[in-house]
């Protein structure tokens, strides 16, 4: 997916390359500080954002799909949900749906 996003002109940074030993909370803070969207398959970011109520960038979580489907889903997401990708949002993408969840601070 990194290559696809870069090919589309997006500034992409991999946590494996830039911060390989960072905790999830540190990655969340780094993405927020750098105003980046965090893309993951890890459900722990949802807990950090909504249970621990950590301030967070837009988080996009893909679930239970192979890489090729993730890439196709990301292309659709960029076309259909670009306006939803801002600080405090969590977007969960499955094969059958896209769910946009607003940050805890926005719900209060």
PDB file of N, CA and C in Angstrom:
ATOM      1  N   UNK A   1       0.819  -1.188   0.000  1.00  0.00           N
ATOM      2  CA  UNK A   1       0.000   0.000   0.000  1.00  0.00           C
ATOM      3  C   UNK A   1       0.864   1.252   0.000  1.00  0.00           C
ATOM      4  N   UNK A   2       2.013   1.168   0.652  1.00  0.00           N
ATOM      5  CA  UNK A   2       2.908   2.330   0.721  1.00  0.00           C
ATOM      6  C   UNK A   2       3.261   2.819  -0.674  1.00  0.00           C
ATOM      7  N   UNK A   3       3.615   1.894  -1.560  1.00  0.00           N
ATOM      8  CA  UNK A   3       3.984   2.256  -2.929  1.00  0.00           C
ATOM      9  C   UNK A   3       2.814   2.889  -3.653  1.00  0.00           C
ATOM     10  N   UNK A   4       1.629   2.324  -3.495  1.00  0.00           N
ATOM     11  CA  UNK A   4       0.444   2.872  -4.149  1.00  0.00           C
ATOM     12  C   UNK A   4       0.195   4.302  -3.708  1.00  0.00           C
ATOM     13  N   UNK A   5       0.248   4.563  -2.411  1.00  0.00           N
ATOM     14  CA  UNK A   5       0.020   5.917  -1.916  1.00  0.00           C
ATOM     15  C   UNK A   5       1.098   6.877  -2.405  1.00  0.00           C
ATOM     16  N   UNK A   6       2.349   6.430  -2.388  1.00  0.00           N
ATOM     17  CA  UNK A   6       3.446   7.271  -2.887  1.00  0.00           C
ATOM     18  C   UNK A   6       3.261   7.558  -4.381  1.00  0.00           C
ATOM     19  N   UNK A   7       2.850   6.549  -5.139  1.00  0.00           N
ATOM     20  CA  UNK A   7       2.618   6.733  -6.574  1.00  0.00           C
ATOM     21  C   UNK A   7       1.490   7.726  -6.834  1.00  0.00           C
ATOM     22  N   UNK A   8       0.560   7.834  -5.914  1.00  0.00           N
ATOM     23  CA  UNK A   8      -0.548   8.786  -6.043  1.00  0.00           C
ATOM     24  C   UNK A   8      -0.162  10.180  -5.558  1.00  0.00           C
ATOM     25  N   UNK A   9       1.102  10.348  -5.140  1.00  0.00           N
ATOM     26  CA  UNK A   9       1.592  11.667  -4.735  1.00  0.00           C
ATOM     27  C   UNK A   9       1.514  11.966  -3.254  1.00  0.00           C
ATOM     28  N   UNK A  10       1.214  10.965  -2.432  1.00  0.00           N
ATOM     29  CA  UNK A  10       1.122  11.183  -0.995  1.00  0.00           C
ATOM     30  C   UNK A  10       2.494  11.026  -0.345  1.00  0.00           C
ATOM     31  N   UNK A  11       2.744  11.825   0.674  1.00  0.00           N
ATOM     32  CA  UNK A  11       3.972  11.734   1.465  1.00  0.00           C
ATOM     33  C   UNK A  11       3.772  10.600   2.462  1.00  0.00           C
ATOM     34  N   UNK A  12       4.460   9.492   2.264  1.00  0.00           N
ATOM     35  CA  UNK A  12       4.252   8.282   3.050  1.00  0.00           C
ATOM     36  C   UNK A  12       5.501   7.978   3.862  1.00  0.00           C
ATOM     37  N   UNK A  13       5.289   7.629   5.105  1.00  0.00           N
ATOM     38  CA  UNK A  13       6.393   7.241   5.976  1.00  0.00           C
ATOM     39  C   UNK A  13       6.025   5.940   6.668  1.00  0.00           C
ATOM     40  N   UNK A  14       6.935   4.990   6.689  1.00  0.00           N
ATOM     41  CA  UNK A  14       6.700   3.700   7.321  1.00  0.00           C
ATOM     42  C   UNK A  14       7.241   3.704   8.747  1.00  0.00           C
ATOM     43  N   UNK A  15       6.429   3.267   9.691  1.00  0.00           N
ATOM     44  CA  UNK A  15       6.887   3.182  11.083  1.00  0.00           C
ATOM     45  C   UNK A  15       8.035   2.190  11.208  1.00  0.00           C
ATOM     46  N   UNK A  16       8.022   1.145  10.388  1.00  0.00           N
ATOM     47  CA  UNK A  16       9.104   0.158  10.434  1.00  0.00           C
ATOM     48  C   UNK A  16      10.448   0.771  10.090  1.00  0.00           C
ATOM     49  N   UNK A  17      10.437   1.798   9.257  1.00  0.00           N
ATOM     50  CA  UNK A  17      11.676   2.446   8.858  1.00  0.00           C
ATOM     51  C   UNK A  17      12.036   3.628   9.753  1.00  0.00           C
ATOM     52  N   UNK A  18      11.056   4.450  10.101  1.00  0.00           N
ATOM     53  CA  UNK A  18      11.355   5.688  10.817  1.00  0.00           C
ATOM     54  C   UNK A  18      11.375   5.545  12.336  1.00  0.00           C
ATOM     55  N   UNK A  19      10.611   4.619  12.872  1.00  0.00           N
ATOM     56  CA  UNK A  19      10.536   4.459  14.336  1.00  0.00           C
ATOM     57  C   UNK A  19      10.283   2.991  14.662  1.00  0.00           C
ATOM     58  N   UNK A  20      11.228   2.113  14.336  1.00  0.00           N
ATOM     59  CA  UNK A  20      10.971   0.674  14.449  1.00  0.00           C
ATOM     60  C   UNK A  20      10.723   0.166  15.866  1.00  0.00           C
ATOM     61  N   UNK A  21      11.172   0.878  16.870  1.00  0.00           N
ATOM     62  CA  UNK A  21      11.003   0.404  18.247  1.00  0.00           C
ATOM     63  C   UNK A  21       9.980   1.223  19.033  1.00  0.00           C
ATOM     64  N   UNK A  22       9.246   2.072  18.345  1.00  0.00           N
ATOM     65  CA  UNK A  22       8.272   2.930  19.017  1.00  0.00           C
ATOM     66  C   UNK A  22       7.052   2.130  19.459  1.00  0.00           C
ATOM     67  N   UNK A  23       6.503   2.522  20.596  1.00  0.00           N
ATOM     68  CA  UNK A  23       5.258   1.916  21.064  1.00  0.00           C
ATOM     69  C   UNK A  23       4.100   2.461  20.236  1.00  0.00           C
ATOM     70  N   UNK A  24       2.939   1.829  20.348  1.00  0.00           N
ATOM     71  CA  UNK A  24       1.764   2.325  19.631  1.00  0.00           C
ATOM     72  C   UNK A  24       1.434   3.752  20.056  1.00  0.00           C
ATOM     73  N   UNK A  25       1.527   4.054  21.342  1.00  0.00           N
ATOM     74  CA  UNK A  25       1.238   5.413  21.824  1.00  0.00           C
ATOM     75  C   UNK A  25       2.227   6.412  21.228  1.00  0.00           C
ATOM     76  N   UNK A  26       3.486   6.017  21.117  1.00  0.00           N
ATOM     77  CA  UNK A  26       4.486   6.904  20.521  1.00  0.00           C
ATOM     78  C   UNK A  26       4.212   7.119  19.034  1.00  0.00           C
ATOM     79  N   UNK A  27       3.806   6.064  18.338  1.00  0.00           N
ATOM     80  CA  UNK A  27       3.466   6.205  16.918  1.00  0.00           C
ATOM     81  C   UNK A  27       2.254   7.118  16.725  1.00  0.00           C
ATOM     82  N   UNK A  28       1.286   6.990  17.607  1.00  0.00           N
ATOM     83  CA  UNK A  28       0.102   7.840  17.552  1.00  0.00           C
ATOM     84  C   UNK A  28       0.500   9.300  17.740  1.00  0.00           C
ATOM     85  N   UNK A  29       1.340   9.574  18.735  1.00  0.00           N
ATOM     86  CA  UNK A  29       1.798  10.943  19.004  1.00  0.00           C
ATOM     87  C   UNK A  29       2.634  11.481  17.848  1.00  0.00           C
ATOM     88  N   UNK A  30       3.484  10.642  17.273  1.00  0.00           N
ATOM     89  CA  UNK A  30       4.322  11.061  16.147  1.00  0.00           C
ATOM     90  C   UNK A  30       3.462  11.410  14.936  1.00  0.00           C
ATOM     91  N   UNK A  31       2.490  10.576  14.624  1.00  0.00           N
ATOM     92  CA  UNK A  31       1.601  10.845  13.490  1.00  0.00           C
ATOM     93  C   UNK A  31       0.829  12.144  13.714  1.00  0.00           C
ATOM     94  N   UNK A  32       0.388  12.376  14.925  1.00  0.00           N
ATOM     95  CA  UNK A  32      -0.337  13.603  15.243  1.00  0.00           C
ATOM     96  C   UNK A  32       0.580  14.815  15.088  1.00  0.00           C
ATOM     97  N   UNK A  33       1.782  14.730  15.635  1.00  0.00           N
ATOM     98  CA  UNK A  33       2.734  15.846  15.565  1.00  0.00           C
ATOM     99  C   UNK A  33       3.105  16.175  14.122  1.00  0.00           C
ATOM    100  N   UNK A  34       3.211  15.139  13.285  1.00  0.00           N
ATOM    101  CA  UNK A  34       3.591  15.336  11.888  1.00  0.00           C
ATOM    102  C   UNK A  34       2.385  15.513  10.975  1.00  0.00           C
ATOM    103  N   UNK A  35       1.198  15.555  11.555  1.00  0.00           N
ATOM    104  CA  UNK A  35      -0.053  15.714  10.827  1.00  0.00           C
ATOM    105  C   UNK A  35      -0.188  14.657   9.724  1.00  0.00           C
ATOM    106  N   UNK A  36       0.010  13.399  10.133  1.00  0.00           N
ATOM    107  CA  UNK A  36      -0.093  12.272   9.216  1.00  0.00           C
ATOM    108  C   UNK A  36      -1.312  11.429   9.572  1.00  0.00           C
ATOM    109  N   UNK A  37      -1.855  10.773   8.585  1.00  0.00           N
ATOM    110  CA  UNK A  37      -2.892   9.778   8.810  1.00  0.00           C
ATOM    111  C   UNK A  37      -2.177   8.479   9.148  1.00  0.00           C
ATOM    112  N   UNK A  38      -2.631   7.812  10.191  1.00  0.00           N
ATOM    113  CA  UNK A  38      -2.030   6.551  10.602  1.00  0.00           C
ATOM    114  C   UNK A  38      -2.844   5.410   9.997  1.00  0.00           C
ATOM    115  N   UNK A  39      -2.197   4.562   9.221  1.00  0.00           N
ATOM    116  CA  UNK A  39      -2.864   3.426   8.571  1.00  0.00           C
ATOM    117  C   UNK A  39      -2.345   2.155   9.219  1.00  0.00           C
ATOM    118  N   UNK A  40      -3.264   1.292   9.641  1.00  0.00           N
ATOM    119  CA  UNK A  40      -2.874   0.118  10.412  1.00  0.00           C
ATOM    120  C   UNK A  40      -3.847  -1.035  10.222  1.00  0.00           C
ATOM    121  N   UNK A  41      -3.438  -2.192  10.687  1.00  0.00           N
ATOM    122  CA  UNK A  41      -4.337  -3.338  10.832  1.00  0.00           C
ATOM    123  C   UNK A  41      -4.484  -3.675  12.316  1.00  0.00           C
ATOM    124  N   UNK A  42      -3.843  -2.916  13.171  1.00  0.00           N
ATOM    125  CA  UNK A  42      -3.750  -3.167  14.606  1.00  0.00           C
ATOM    126  C   UNK A  42      -4.916  -2.506  15.353  1.00  0.00           C
ATOM    127  N   UNK A  43      -5.725  -3.309  16.034  1.00  0.00           N
ATOM    128  CA  UNK A  43      -6.875  -2.758  16.748  1.00  0.00           C
ATOM    129  C   UNK A  43      -6.488  -2.004  18.018  1.00  0.00           C
ATOM    130  N   UNK A  44      -5.249  -2.142  18.471  1.00  0.00           N
ATOM    131  CA  UNK A  44      -4.822  -1.451  19.688  1.00  0.00           C
ATOM    132  C   UNK A  44      -4.906   0.068  19.564  1.00  0.00           C
ATOM    133  N   UNK A  45      -4.809   0.607  18.356  1.00  0.00           N
ATOM    134  CA  UNK A  45      -4.899   2.058  18.192  1.00  0.00           C
ATOM    135  C   UNK A  45      -6.299   2.565  18.543  1.00  0.00           C
ATOM    136  N   UNK A  46      -7.315   1.771  18.296  1.00  0.00           N
ATOM    137  CA  UNK A  46      -8.666   2.144  18.696  1.00  0.00           C
ATOM    138  C   UNK A  46      -8.793   2.256  20.201  1.00  0.00           C
ATOM    139  N   UNK A  47      -8.153   1.348  20.915  1.00  0.00           N
ATOM    140  CA  UNK A  47      -8.180   1.422  22.374  1.00  0.00           C
ATOM    141  C   UNK A  47      -7.477   2.681  22.867  1.00  0.00           C
ATOM    142  N   UNK A  48      -6.335   2.998  22.286  1.00  0.00           N
ATOM    143  CA  UNK A  48      -5.618   4.212  22.688  1.00  0.00           C
ATOM    144  C   UNK A  48      -6.462   5.458  22.438  1.00  0.00           C
ATOM    145  N   UNK A  49      -7.139   5.476  21.304  1.00  0.00           N
ATOM    146  CA  UNK A  49      -7.908   6.654  20.922  1.00  0.00           C
ATOM    147  C   UNK A  49      -9.230   6.782  21.668  1.00  0.00           C
ATOM    148  N   UNK A  50      -9.918   5.662  21.891  1.00  0.00           N
ATOM    149  CA  UNK A  50     -11.278   5.765  22.407  1.00  0.00           C
ATOM    150  C   UNK A  50     -11.446   5.297  23.851  1.00  0.00           C
ATOM    151  N   UNK A  51     -10.593   4.412  24.321  1.00  0.00           N
ATOM    152  CA  UNK A  51     -10.670   3.994  25.727  1.00  0.00           C
ATOM    153  C   UNK A  51      -9.778   4.903  26.584  1.00  0.00           C
ATOM    154  N   UNK A  52      -8.534   5.059  26.142  1.00  0.00           N
ATOM    155  CA  UNK A  52      -7.608   5.923  26.882  1.00  0.00           C
ATOM    156  C   UNK A  52      -7.761   7.390  26.506  1.00  0.00           C
ATOM    157  N   UNK A  53      -8.529   7.652  25.466  1.00  0.00           N
ATOM    158  CA  UNK A  53      -8.855   9.006  25.012  1.00  0.00           C
ATOM    159  C   UNK A  53      -7.631   9.852  24.673  1.00  0.00           C
ATOM    160  N   UNK A  54      -6.631   9.214  24.066  1.00  0.00           N
ATOM    161  CA  UNK A  54      -5.457   9.955  23.626  1.00  0.00           C
ATOM    162  C   UNK A  54      -5.805  10.751  22.373  1.00  0.00           C
ATOM    163  N   UNK A  55      -5.322  11.959  22.334  1.00  0.00           N
ATOM    164  CA  UNK A  55      -5.513  12.772  21.137  1.00  0.00           C
ATOM    165  C   UNK A  55      -4.843  12.033  19.985  1.00  0.00           C
ATOM    166  N   UNK A  56      -5.483  12.043  18.823  1.00  0.00           N
ATOM    167  CA  UNK A  56      -4.958  11.237  17.726  1.00  0.00           C
ATOM    168  C   UNK A  56      -5.261  11.844  16.361  1.00  0.00           C
ATOM    169  N   UNK A  57      -4.417  11.464  15.405  1.00  0.00           N
ATOM    170  CA  UNK A  57      -4.699  11.875  14.033  1.00  0.00           C
ATOM    171  C   UNK A  57      -5.832  11.008  13.500  1.00  0.00           C
ATOM    172  N   UNK A  58      -6.148  11.182  12.256  1.00  0.00           N
ATOM    173  CA  UNK A  58      -7.054  10.231  11.620  1.00  0.00           C
ATOM    174  C   UNK A  58      -6.366   8.875  11.613  1.00  0.00           C
ATOM    175  N   UNK A  59      -7.091   7.855  12.027  1.00  0.00           N
ATOM    176  CA  UNK A  59      -6.586   6.484  12.013  1.00  0.00           C
ATOM    177  C   UNK A  59      -7.444   5.701  11.032  1.00  0.00           C
ATOM    178  N   UNK A  60      -6.798   5.023  10.106  1.00  0.00           N
ATOM    179  CA  UNK A  60      -7.510   4.144   9.178  1.00  0.00           C
ATOM    180  C   UNK A  60      -7.068   2.727   9.500  1.00  0.00           C
ATOM    181  N   UNK A  61      -8.040   1.896   9.844  1.00  0.00           N
ATOM    182  CA  UNK A  61      -7.744   0.502  10.194  1.00  0.00           C
ATOM    183  C   UNK A  61      -8.406  -0.433   9.201  1.00  0.00           C
ATOM    184  N   UNK A  62      -7.595  -1.262   8.577  1.00  0.00           N
ATOM    185  CA  UNK A  62      -8.087  -2.282   7.671  1.00  0.00           C
ATOM    186  C   UNK A  62      -8.178  -3.594   8.435  1.00  0.00           C
ATOM    187  N   UNK A  63      -9.260  -4.333   8.219  1.00  0.00           N
ATOM    188  CA  UNK A  63      -9.436  -5.592   8.937  1.00  0.00           C
ATOM    189  C   UNK A  63      -9.676  -6.749   7.986  1.00  0.00           C
ATOM    190  N   UNK A  64      -9.000  -7.843   8.263  1.00  0.00           N
ATOM    191  CA  UNK A  64      -9.255  -9.133   7.618  1.00  0.00           C
ATOM    192  C   UNK A  64      -9.298  -9.112   6.096  1.00  0.00           C
ATOM    193  N   UNK A  65      -8.346  -8.399   5.486  1.00  0.00           N
ATOM    194  CA  UNK A  65      -8.269  -8.387   4.031  1.00  0.00           C
ATOM    195  C   UNK A  65      -6.816  -8.582   3.613  1.00  0.00           C
ATOM    196  N   UNK A  66      -6.596  -9.290   2.518  1.00  0.00           N
ATOM    197  CA  UNK A  66      -5.235  -9.390   2.007  1.00  0.00           C
ATOM    198  C   UNK A  66      -4.777  -8.053   1.428  1.00  0.00           C
ATOM    199  N   UNK A  67      -3.481  -7.913   1.210  1.00  0.00           N
ATOM    200  CA  UNK A  67      -2.895  -6.651   0.769  1.00  0.00           C
ATOM    201  C   UNK A  67      -3.569  -6.111  -0.491  1.00  0.00           C
ATOM    202  N   UNK A  68      -3.808  -6.951  -1.469  1.00  0.00           N
ATOM    203  CA  UNK A  68      -4.419  -6.477  -2.716  1.00  0.00           C
ATOM    204  C   UNK A  68      -5.784  -5.839  -2.468  1.00  0.00           C
ATOM    205  N   UNK A  69      -6.561  -6.418  -1.568  1.00  0.00           N
ATOM    206  CA  UNK A  69      -7.873  -5.836  -1.238  1.00  0.00           C
ATOM    207  C   UNK A  69      -7.702  -4.543  -0.446  1.00  0.00           C
ATOM    208  N   UNK A  70      -6.696  -4.483   0.419  1.00  0.00           N
ATOM    209  CA  UNK A  70      -6.429  -3.243   1.160  1.00  0.00           C
ATOM    210  C   UNK A  70      -6.123  -2.097   0.198  1.00  0.00           C
ATOM    211  N   UNK A  71      -5.316  -2.386  -0.821  1.00  0.00           N
ATOM    212  CA  UNK A  71      -4.944  -1.357  -1.795  1.00  0.00           C
ATOM    213  C   UNK A  71      -6.182  -0.863  -2.541  1.00  0.00           C
ATOM    214  N   UNK A  72      -7.015  -1.773  -2.995  1.00  0.00           N
ATOM    215  CA  UNK A  72      -8.243  -1.377  -3.697  1.00  0.00           C
ATOM    216  C   UNK A  72      -9.164  -0.586  -2.769  1.00  0.00           C
ATOM    217  N   UNK A  73      -9.270  -1.028  -1.525  1.00  0.00           N
ATOM    218  CA  UNK A  73     -10.116  -0.332  -0.551  1.00  0.00           C
ATOM    219  C   UNK A  73      -9.572   1.064  -0.265  1.00  0.00           C
ATOM    220  N   UNK A  74      -8.247   1.213  -0.209  1.00  0.00           N
ATOM    221  CA  UNK A  74      -7.654   2.529   0.040  1.00  0.00           C
ATOM    222  C   UNK A  74      -7.950   3.478  -1.114  1.00  0.00           C
ATOM    223  N   UNK A  75      -7.900   2.971  -2.319  1.00  0.00           N
ATOM    224  CA  UNK A  75      -8.234   3.820  -3.479  1.00  0.00           C
ATOM    225  C   UNK A  75      -9.684   4.310  -3.388  1.00  0.00           C
ATOM    226  N   UNK A  76     -10.605   3.418  -3.031  1.00  0.00           N
ATOM    227  CA  UNK A  76     -12.016   3.807  -2.870  1.00  0.00           C
ATOM    228  C   UNK A  76     -12.167   4.798  -1.715  1.00  0.00           C
ATOM    229  N   UNK A  77     -11.435   4.555  -0.645  1.00  0.00           N
ATOM    230  CA  UNK A  77     -11.491   5.435   0.521  1.00  0.00           C
ATOM    231  C   UNK A  77     -11.047   6.847   0.154  1.00  0.00           C
ATOM    232  N   UNK A  78      -9.974   6.956  -0.599  1.00  0.00           N
ATOM    233  CA  UNK A  78      -9.490   8.269  -1.022  1.00  0.00           C
ATOM    234  C   UNK A  78     -10.513   8.982  -1.897  1.00  0.00           C
ATOM    235  N   UNK A  79     -11.218   8.236  -2.719  1.00  0.00           N
ATOM    236  CA  UNK A  79     -12.241   8.825  -3.583  1.00  0.00           C
ATOM    237  C   UNK A  79     -13.490   9.237  -2.812  1.00  0.00           C
ATOM    238  N   UNK A  80     -13.929   8.377  -1.888  1.00  0.00           N
ATOM    239  CA  UNK A  80     -15.237   8.562  -1.260  1.00  0.00           C
ATOM    240  C   UNK A  80     -15.222   9.177   0.141  1.00  0.00           C
ATOM    241  N   UNK A  81     -14.092   9.105   0.850  1.00  0.00           N
ATOM    242  CA  UNK A  81     -14.071   9.533   2.243  1.00  0.00           C
ATOM    243  C   UNK A  81     -12.981  10.535   2.572  1.00  0.00           C
ATOM    244  N   UNK A  82     -12.399  11.173   1.577  1.00  0.00           N
ATOM    245  CA  UNK A  82     -11.306  12.120   1.834  1.00  0.00           C
ATOM    246  C   UNK A  82     -11.740  13.213   2.814  1.00  0.00           C
ATOM    247  N   UNK A  83     -12.975  13.633   2.738  1.00  0.00           N
ATOM    248  CA  UNK A  83     -13.478  14.676   3.634  1.00  0.00           C
ATOM    249  C   UNK A  83     -13.621  14.232   5.082  1.00  0.00           C
ATOM    250  N   UNK A  84     -13.585  12.941   5.333  1.00  0.00           N
ATOM    251  CA  UNK A  84     -13.707  12.402   6.683  1.00  0.00           C
ATOM    252  C   UNK A  84     -12.348  12.194   7.345  1.00  0.00           C
ATOM    253  N   UNK A  85     -11.272  12.392   6.601  1.00  0.00           N
ATOM    254  CA  UNK A  85      -9.937  12.080   7.100  1.00  0.00           C
ATOM    255  C   UNK A  85      -9.318  13.292   7.777  1.00  0.00           C
ATOM    256  N   UNK A  86      -9.699  13.511   9.035  1.00  0.00           N
ATOM    257  CA  UNK A  86      -9.096  14.605   9.794  1.00  0.00           C
ATOM    258  C   UNK A  86      -8.895  14.169  11.236  1.00  0.00           C
ATOM    259  N   UNK A  87      -8.183  14.995  11.966  1.00  0.00           N
ATOM    260  CA  UNK A  87      -7.830  14.664  13.345  1.00  0.00           C
ATOM    261  C   UNK A  87      -9.048  14.209  14.140  1.00  0.00           C
ATOM    262  N   UNK A  88      -8.868  13.143  14.899  1.00  0.00           N
ATOM    263  CA  UNK A  88      -9.921  12.650  15.779  1.00  0.00           C
ATOM    264  C   UNK A  88     -10.832  11.598  15.173  1.00  0.00           C
ATOM    265  N   UNK A  89     -10.669  11.301  13.888  1.00  0.00           N
ATOM    266  CA  UNK A  89     -11.509  10.299  13.259  1.00  0.00           C
ATOM    267  C   UNK A  89     -10.805   8.943  13.271  1.00  0.00           C
ATOM    268  N   UNK A  90     -11.612   7.893  13.330  1.00  0.00           N
ATOM    269  CA  UNK A  90     -11.111   6.546  13.100  1.00  0.00           C
ATOM    270  C   UNK A  90     -12.007   5.937  12.048  1.00  0.00           C
ATOM    271  N   UNK A  91     -11.379   5.463  10.983  1.00  0.00           N
ATOM    272  CA  UNK A  91     -12.108   4.859   9.878  1.00  0.00           C
ATOM    273  C   UNK A  91     -11.739   3.387   9.847  1.00  0.00           C
ATOM    274  N   UNK A  92     -12.731   2.534   9.982  1.00  0.00           N
ATOM    275  CA  UNK A  92     -12.508   1.089   9.964  1.00  0.00           C
ATOM    276  C   UNK A  92     -13.055   0.549   8.651  1.00  0.00           C
ATOM    277  N   UNK A  93     -12.184  -0.145   7.921  1.00  0.00           N
ATOM    278  CA  UNK A  93     -12.532  -0.649   6.598  1.00  0.00           C
ATOM    279  C   UNK A  93     -12.537  -2.171   6.634  1.00  0.00           C
ATOM    280  N   UNK A  94     -13.675  -2.752   6.274  1.00  0.00           N
ATOM    281  CA  UNK A  94     -13.794  -4.204   6.129  1.00  0.00           C
ATOM    282  C   UNK A  94     -14.181  -4.485   4.679  1.00  0.00           C
ATOM    283  N   UNK A  95     -14.307  -5.748   4.351  1.00  0.00           N
ATOM    284  CA  UNK A  95     -14.730  -6.099   2.984  1.00  0.00           C
ATOM    285  C   UNK A  95     -16.100  -5.526   2.653  1.00  0.00           C
ATOM    286  N   UNK A  96     -16.966  -5.458   3.634  1.00  0.00           N
ATOM    287  CA  UNK A  96     -18.353  -5.094   3.347  1.00  0.00           C
ATOM    288  C   UNK A  96     -18.740  -3.666   3.699  1.00  0.00           C
ATOM    289  N   UNK A  97     -17.890  -2.956   4.465  1.00  0.00           N
ATOM    290  CA  UNK A  97     -18.314  -1.604   4.840  1.00  0.00           C
ATOM    291  C   UNK A  97     -17.162  -0.738   5.292  1.00  0.00           C
ATOM    292  N   UNK A  98     -17.465   0.548   5.364  1.00  0.00           N
ATOM    293  CA  UNK A  98     -16.560   1.550   5.922  1.00  0.00           C
ATOM    294  C   UNK A  98     -17.316   2.221   7.050  1.00  0.00           C
ATOM    295  N   UNK A  99     -16.697   2.256   8.228  1.00  0.00           N
ATOM    296  CA  UNK A  99     -17.324   2.897   9.373  1.00  0.00           C
ATOM    297  C   UNK A  99     -16.442   4.044   9.838  1.00  0.00           C
ATOM    298  N   UNK A 100     -17.019   5.233   9.947  1.00  0.00           N
ATOM    299  CA  UNK A 100     -16.293   6.412  10.421  1.00  0.00           C
ATOM    300  C   UNK A 100     -16.739   6.675  11.843  1.00  0.00           C
ATOM    301  N   UNK A 101     -15.770   6.670  12.743  1.00  0.00           N
ATOM    302  CA  UNK A 101     -16.051   6.913  14.155  1.00  0.00           C
ATOM    303  C   UNK A 101     -15.398   8.232  14.547  1.00  0.00           C
ATOM    304  N   UNK A 102     -16.173   9.067  15.204  1.00  0.00           N
ATOM    305  CA  UNK A 102     -15.675  10.375  15.614  1.00  0.00           C
ATOM    306  C   UNK A 102     -14.939  10.246  16.940  1.00  0.00           C
ATOM    307  N   UNK A 103     -13.913  11.057  17.102  1.00  0.00           N
ATOM    308  CA  UNK A 103     -13.103  11.026  18.315  1.00  0.00           C
ATOM    309  C   UNK A 103     -13.900  11.324  19.556  1.00  0.00           C
ATOM    310  N   UNK A 104     -13.404  10.848  20.683  1.00  0.00           N
ATOM    311  CA  UNK A 104     -14.083  11.005  21.976  1.00  0.00           C
ATOM    312  C   UNK A 104     -14.325  12.482  22.286  1.00  0.00           C
ATOM    313  N   UNK A 105     -13.367  13.328  21.968  1.00  0.00           N
ATOM    314  CA  UNK A 105     -13.530  14.761  22.244  1.00  0.00           C
ATOM    315  C   UNK A 105     -14.673  15.350  21.428  1.00  0.00           C
ATOM    316  N   UNK A 106     -14.887  14.831  20.220  1.00  0.00           N
ATOM    317  CA  UNK A 106     -15.961  15.329  19.369  1.00  0.00           C
ATOM    318  C   UNK A 106     -17.330  14.821  19.833  1.00  0.00           C
ATOM    319  N   UNK A 107     -17.337  13.693  20.530  1.00  0.00           N
ATOM    320  CA  UNK A 107     -18.603  13.122  20.975  1.00  0.00           C
ATOM    321  C   UNK A 107     -19.126  13.801  22.238  1.00  0.00           C
ATOM    322  N   UNK A 108     -18.235  14.413  22.993  1.00  0.00           N
ATOM    323  CA  UNK A 108     -18.620  15.013  24.283  1.00  0.00           C
ATOM    324  C   UNK A 108     -19.476  16.241  24.086  1.00  0.00           C
TER     325      UNK A 108
END
